[in-house]
Amino acid sequence: MNDMKVRVKSLTKKFGDLLVLDDISFDVKKGQFLCVVGPTGCGKTTFLNCITRLYEPTSGEILVDGEPVDLRKHNVSYIFQEYSTMPWLTVEENVAFGLRIKKKPEAEIKESVDEVIEMVGLQKFRNYYPSQLSASMLQRVVIARAFATKPDILLMDEPYGQLDIELRFKLEDELIGLWKKLGTTIIFITHNIEEAVYISEDILILTNKPTTIKQMMANPLSRPRVVTEKRFIEVREQVTELIKWW
């Protein structure tokens, strides 16, 4: 049985004469939690936008389950840096939004929404509107909405970048719990090296533009991880050294 979920082959992306992604190739296994890190402005978001077909690759291809990625066929969810809740919908309605777009039966929508709202601890807030929620609760709504559709692949673009450290760790722990429970393949973009070492199974390290792969490394740390432990600090420093481009 082929357990390869995503295969990126010779992906190149230019904007006019500007070469952003230069012949990138790597694989992501089914159920893998991959973090992508690299220097600021190296094209991490451009890479995700190629997966969602927001940008058309200049050359190369991205395959999902052995076929060119097609969002009409492949179940892919995307969590942006900004909170993308709809202010006119309640928490429950926001979480159900993707399922309604896919025209799922109401009974299935209710079951999925109830399940993920409980998973992220928003039962008491299901009838609240986004304006009534804190930053961490808003991000929980976005994550619940993404998981409600039971995506095969979840793309996350620095989703916790605007949160303070305590909230970030709490939401990262919740994300790890959801990933373990649901087995979703996650590609998580971050510029925060500590975050990458804390949550990932594998870390893809990119170079500065024009962007190529510096290294794909397996995260050797067992879970749960403690950021103050000697081994954690060693791995964090190893990744930091790999990212340096000067």
Protein backbone atom coordinates (compact mmCIF):
# COMPACT_ATOMS: atom_id res chain seq x y z
CA MET A 1 0.00 0.00 0.00
CA ASN A 2 1.36 3.41 -0.98
CA ASP A 3 1.44 5.69 2.07
CA MET A 4 2.70 8.74 0.13
CA LYS A 5 0.12 11.53 0.45
CA VAL A 6 1.82 14.49 -1.21
CA ARG A 7 4.63 14.35 -3.75
CA VAL A 8 6.28 17.60 -4.85
CA LYS A 9 8.35 17.12 -8.02
CA SER A 10 10.74 19.78 -9.36
CA LEU A 11 8.40 22.61 -8.24
CA THR A 12 9.53 25.95 -9.67
CA LYS A 13 7.69 29.26 -9.35
CA LYS A 14 8.64 32.55 -10.96
CA PHE A 15 6.90 35.91 -10.78
CA GLY A 16 8.11 37.59 -13.96
CA ASP A 17 11.91 37.43 -13.74
CA LEU A 18 11.89 36.79 -9.99
CA LEU A 19 12.66 33.15 -9.22
CA VAL A 20 11.04 32.31 -5.86
CA LEU A 21 10.93 28.48 -5.72
CA ASP A 22 13.77 26.71 -7.53
CA ASP A 23 13.32 23.02 -8.38
CA ILE A 24 11.90 21.78 -5.07
CA SER A 25 11.18 18.05 -4.61
CA PHE A 26 10.05 16.17 -1.49
CA ASP A 27 7.40 13.74 -0.25
CA VAL A 28 4.92 13.86 2.62
CA LYS A 29 3.60 10.58 4.01
CA LYS A 30 -0.04 9.99 4.93
CA GLY A 31 -0.64 11.26 8.47
CA GLN A 32 2.71 13.07 8.65
CA PHE A 33 3.06 16.36 10.61
CA LEU A 34 5.56 18.38 8.57
CA CYS A 35 6.80 21.84 9.55
CA VAL A 36 8.33 24.06 6.87
CA VAL A 37 10.83 26.66 8.09
CA GLY A 38 13.25 29.03 6.42
CA PRO A 39 14.50 32.62 6.34
CA THR A 40 11.87 35.37 6.32
CA GLY A 41 10.55 36.00 2.82
CA CYS A 42 11.98 32.79 1.37
CA GLY A 43 8.72 31.71 -0.28
CA LYS A 44 7.07 29.45 2.32
CA THR A 45 3.63 30.94 1.70
CA THR A 46 4.19 30.85 -2.08
CA PHE A 47 4.74 27.10 -1.74
CA LEU A 48 1.40 26.64 0.09
CA ASN A 49 -0.35 28.79 -2.48
CA CYS A 50 0.94 26.45 -5.20
CA ILE A 51 -0.61 23.49 -3.36
CA THR A 52 -3.99 25.25 -3.22
CA ARG A 53 -3.61 26.31 -6.88
CA LEU A 54 -3.92 29.96 -5.91
CA TYR A 55 -0.64 30.16 -7.84
CA GLU A 56 0.03 27.99 -10.87
CA PRO A 57 3.54 26.47 -10.72
CA THR A 58 5.88 27.73 -13.46
CA SER A 59 7.10 24.15 -13.84
CA GLY A 60 7.05 20.89 -11.91
CA GLU A 61 4.04 19.33 -10.25
CA ILE A 62 2.32 18.64 -6.95
CA LEU A 63 0.63 15.26 -6.66
CA VAL A 64 -1.90 14.17 -4.04
CA ASP A 65 -2.50 10.41 -3.90
CA GLY A 66 -0.57 10.13 -7.17
CA GLU A 67 -2.74 12.65 -9.09
CA PRO A 68 -2.22 16.37 -9.80
CA VAL A 69 -3.67 18.33 -6.89
CA ASP A 70 -7.28 19.32 -7.57
CA LEU A 71 -9.30 20.98 -4.81
CA ARG A 72 -12.55 19.79 -6.40
CA LYS A 73 -11.38 16.23 -5.88
CA HIS A 74 -8.94 16.32 -2.95
CA ASN A 75 -10.10 17.25 0.53
CA VAL A 76 -7.66 20.04 1.49
CA SER A 77 -8.22 22.68 4.21
CA TYR A 78 -6.13 25.84 4.59
CA ILE A 79 -5.71 27.94 7.76
CA PHE A 80 -4.33 31.42 7.08
CA GLN A 81 -2.29 33.77 9.29
CA GLU A 82 -5.33 36.02 9.78
CA TYR A 83 -8.41 34.92 11.69
CA SER A 84 -10.83 34.00 8.93
CA THR A 85 -14.08 33.67 10.85
CA MET A 86 -17.20 35.19 9.35
CA PRO A 87 -18.48 37.84 11.80
CA TRP A 88 -22.15 37.42 10.85
CA LEU A 89 -22.14 33.70 11.71
CA THR A 90 -22.14 32.10 15.15
CA VAL A 91 -19.37 29.73 16.24
CA GLU A 92 -21.54 26.76 15.29
CA GLU A 93 -22.39 28.26 11.88
CA ASN A 94 -18.72 29.10 11.22
CA VAL A 95 -17.65 25.54 12.01
CA ALA A 96 -20.40 24.15 9.75
CA PHE A 97 -19.57 26.48 6.86
CA GLY A 98 -17.22 24.17 4.91
CA LEU A 99 -19.60 21.23 5.29
CA ARG A 100 -22.50 23.31 3.94
CA ILE A 101 -20.38 24.41 0.97
CA LYS A 102 -19.79 20.70 0.27
CA LYS A 103 -23.58 20.14 0.56
CA LYS A 104 -23.28 17.47 3.23
CA PRO A 105 -26.53 16.12 4.77
CA GLU A 106 -27.74 18.10 7.81
CA ALA A 107 -27.44 15.07 10.11
CA GLU A 108 -23.79 14.61 9.10
CA ILE A 109 -23.11 18.35 9.55
CA LYS A 110 -24.59 18.31 13.06
CA GLU A 111 -22.58 15.23 14.07
CA SER A 112 -19.28 16.62 12.74
CA VAL A 113 -19.85 20.09 14.22
CA ASP A 114 -20.76 18.68 17.65
CA GLU A 115 -17.67 16.46 17.61
CA VAL A 116 -15.10 19.15 16.75
CA ILE A 117 -16.69 21.84 18.93
CA GLU A 118 -16.29 19.47 21.87
CA MET A 119 -12.70 18.62 20.82
CA VAL A 120 -11.64 22.28 20.92
CA GLY A 121 -13.63 23.11 24.07
CA LEU A 122 -16.14 25.57 22.60
CA GLN A 123 -19.39 23.88 23.69
CA LYS A 124 -20.40 26.84 25.89
CA PHE A 125 -19.67 29.32 23.12
CA ARG A 126 -21.38 27.67 20.15
CA ASN A 127 -24.01 30.43 19.88
CA TYR A 128 -21.53 33.30 20.32
CA TYR A 129 -20.42 35.56 17.47
CA PRO A 130 -16.73 36.14 16.65
CA SER A 131 -16.82 39.67 18.10
CA GLN A 132 -17.61 38.13 21.50
CA LEU A 133 -14.56 35.82 21.49
CA SER A 134 -10.91 36.13 22.50
CA ALA A 135 -8.03 35.65 20.05
CA SER A 136 -7.40 32.07 21.18
CA MET A 137 -11.10 31.17 20.87
CA LEU A 138 -11.23 32.65 17.37
CA GLN A 139 -8.33 30.46 16.34
CA ARG A 140 -10.06 27.44 17.86
CA VAL A 141 -13.12 28.19 15.72
CA VAL A 142 -10.93 28.30 12.59
CA ILE A 143 -9.23 25.02 13.52
CA ALA A 144 -12.57 23.36 14.32
CA ARG A 145 -13.96 24.48 10.94
CA ALA A 146 -10.92 23.00 9.17
CA PHE A 147 -11.14 19.66 11.00
CA ALA A 148 -14.94 19.44 10.63
CA THR A 149 -14.55 18.59 6.93
CA LYS A 150 -12.19 15.73 7.93
CA PRO A 151 -9.53 16.96 5.50
CA ASP A 152 -6.98 14.56 4.07
CA ILE A 153 -4.48 17.43 4.10
CA LEU A 154 -4.44 20.48 6.38
CA LEU A 155 -2.25 23.42 5.33
CA MET A 156 -1.42 25.92 8.09
CA ASP A 157 0.34 29.22 7.42
CA GLU A 158 1.77 30.63 10.69
CA PRO A 159 -1.63 30.31 12.40
CA TYR A 160 -0.35 31.19 15.89
CA GLY A 161 2.03 34.01 14.94
CA GLN A 162 -0.14 36.71 16.50
CA LEU A 163 -0.69 34.96 19.85
CA ASP A 164 1.32 35.27 23.05
CA ILE A 165 3.53 32.36 24.12
CA GLU A 166 1.19 30.85 26.71
CA LEU A 167 -1.79 30.80 24.33
CA ARG A 168 0.37 29.48 21.52
CA PHE A 169 1.57 26.48 23.51
CA LYS A 170 -1.99 25.69 24.59
CA LEU A 171 -3.28 25.76 21.01
CA GLU A 172 -0.28 23.80 19.75
CA ASP A 173 -1.02 21.07 22.30
CA GLU A 174 -4.65 21.01 21.18
CA LEU A 175 -3.56 20.75 17.53
CA ILE A 176 -1.24 17.83 18.32
CA GLY A 177 -4.15 16.10 20.11
CA LEU A 178 -6.47 16.59 17.11
CA TRP A 179 -3.80 15.37 14.70
CA LYS A 180 -3.18 12.22 16.77
CA LYS A 181 -6.90 11.51 17.00
CA LEU A 182 -7.83 12.17 13.37
CA GLY A 183 -4.65 11.19 11.51
CA THR A 184 -4.74 14.22 9.19
CA THR A 185 -1.67 15.00 7.07
CA ILE A 186 -0.50 18.46 8.19
CA ILE A 187 1.89 20.86 6.45
CA PHE A 188 2.58 23.70 8.87
CA ILE A 189 4.49 26.85 7.84
CA THR A 190 6.27 28.76 10.60
CA HIS A 191 9.17 31.15 11.04
CA ASN A 192 9.29 30.19 14.73
CA ILE A 193 11.96 27.50 15.14
CA GLU A 194 10.90 26.60 18.68
CA GLU A 195 7.35 26.04 17.43
CA ALA A 196 8.58 23.80 14.60
CA VAL A 197 10.64 21.66 17.00
CA TYR A 198 7.75 21.49 19.48
CA ILE A 199 5.01 20.27 17.14
CA SER A 200 6.57 18.53 14.13
CA GLU A 201 7.36 14.96 13.19
CA ASP A 202 9.63 16.20 10.40
CA ILE A 203 11.10 19.60 9.53
CA LEU A 204 11.70 20.85 5.99
CA ILE A 205 14.32 23.60 6.02
CA LEU A 206 14.34 25.99 3.06
CA THR A 207 17.10 28.32 1.86
CA ASN A 208 16.84 32.01 1.12
CA LYS A 209 15.49 33.03 -2.32
CA PRO A 210 15.71 31.57 -4.89
CA THR A 211 14.42 28.89 -2.54
CA THR A 212 15.65 25.33 -2.57
CA ILE A 213 15.62 22.64 0.12
CA LYS A 214 18.47 22.90 2.60
CA GLN A 215 17.49 19.73 4.45
CA MET A 216 14.58 17.48 5.40
CA MET A 217 15.18 16.23 8.93
CA ALA A 218 13.24 13.87 11.16
CA ASN A 219 12.43 15.34 14.57
CA PRO A 220 14.15 12.96 17.02
CA LEU A 221 12.26 14.11 20.12
CA SER A 222 9.62 11.95 21.82
CA ARG A 223 6.36 13.46 23.07
CA PRO A 224 5.41 15.25 25.22
CA ARG A 225 8.18 17.79 24.58
CA VAL A 226 9.58 20.27 27.08
CA VAL A 227 11.20 23.38 25.58
CA THR A 228 13.62 23.80 28.50
CA GLU A 229 15.09 20.29 28.27
CA LYS A 230 18.66 19.94 27.03
CA ARG A 231 17.80 17.72 24.05
CA PHE A 232 15.04 20.09 22.89
CA ILE A 233 17.45 23.04 23.00
CA GLU A 234 20.04 21.04 21.03
CA VAL A 235 17.56 20.25 18.24
CA ARG A 236 16.35 23.87 18.17
CA GLU A 237 19.95 25.08 17.81
CA GLN A 238 20.61 22.51 15.08
CA VAL A 239 17.64 23.84 13.04
CA THR A 240 18.67 27.46 13.71
CA GLU A 241 22.14 26.78 12.30
CA LEU A 242 20.66 25.18 9.19
CA ILE A 243 18.42 28.21 8.53
CA LYS A 244 21.23 30.75 8.69
CA TRP A 245 21.99 31.90 5.16
CA TRP A 246 24.78 34.38 5.85
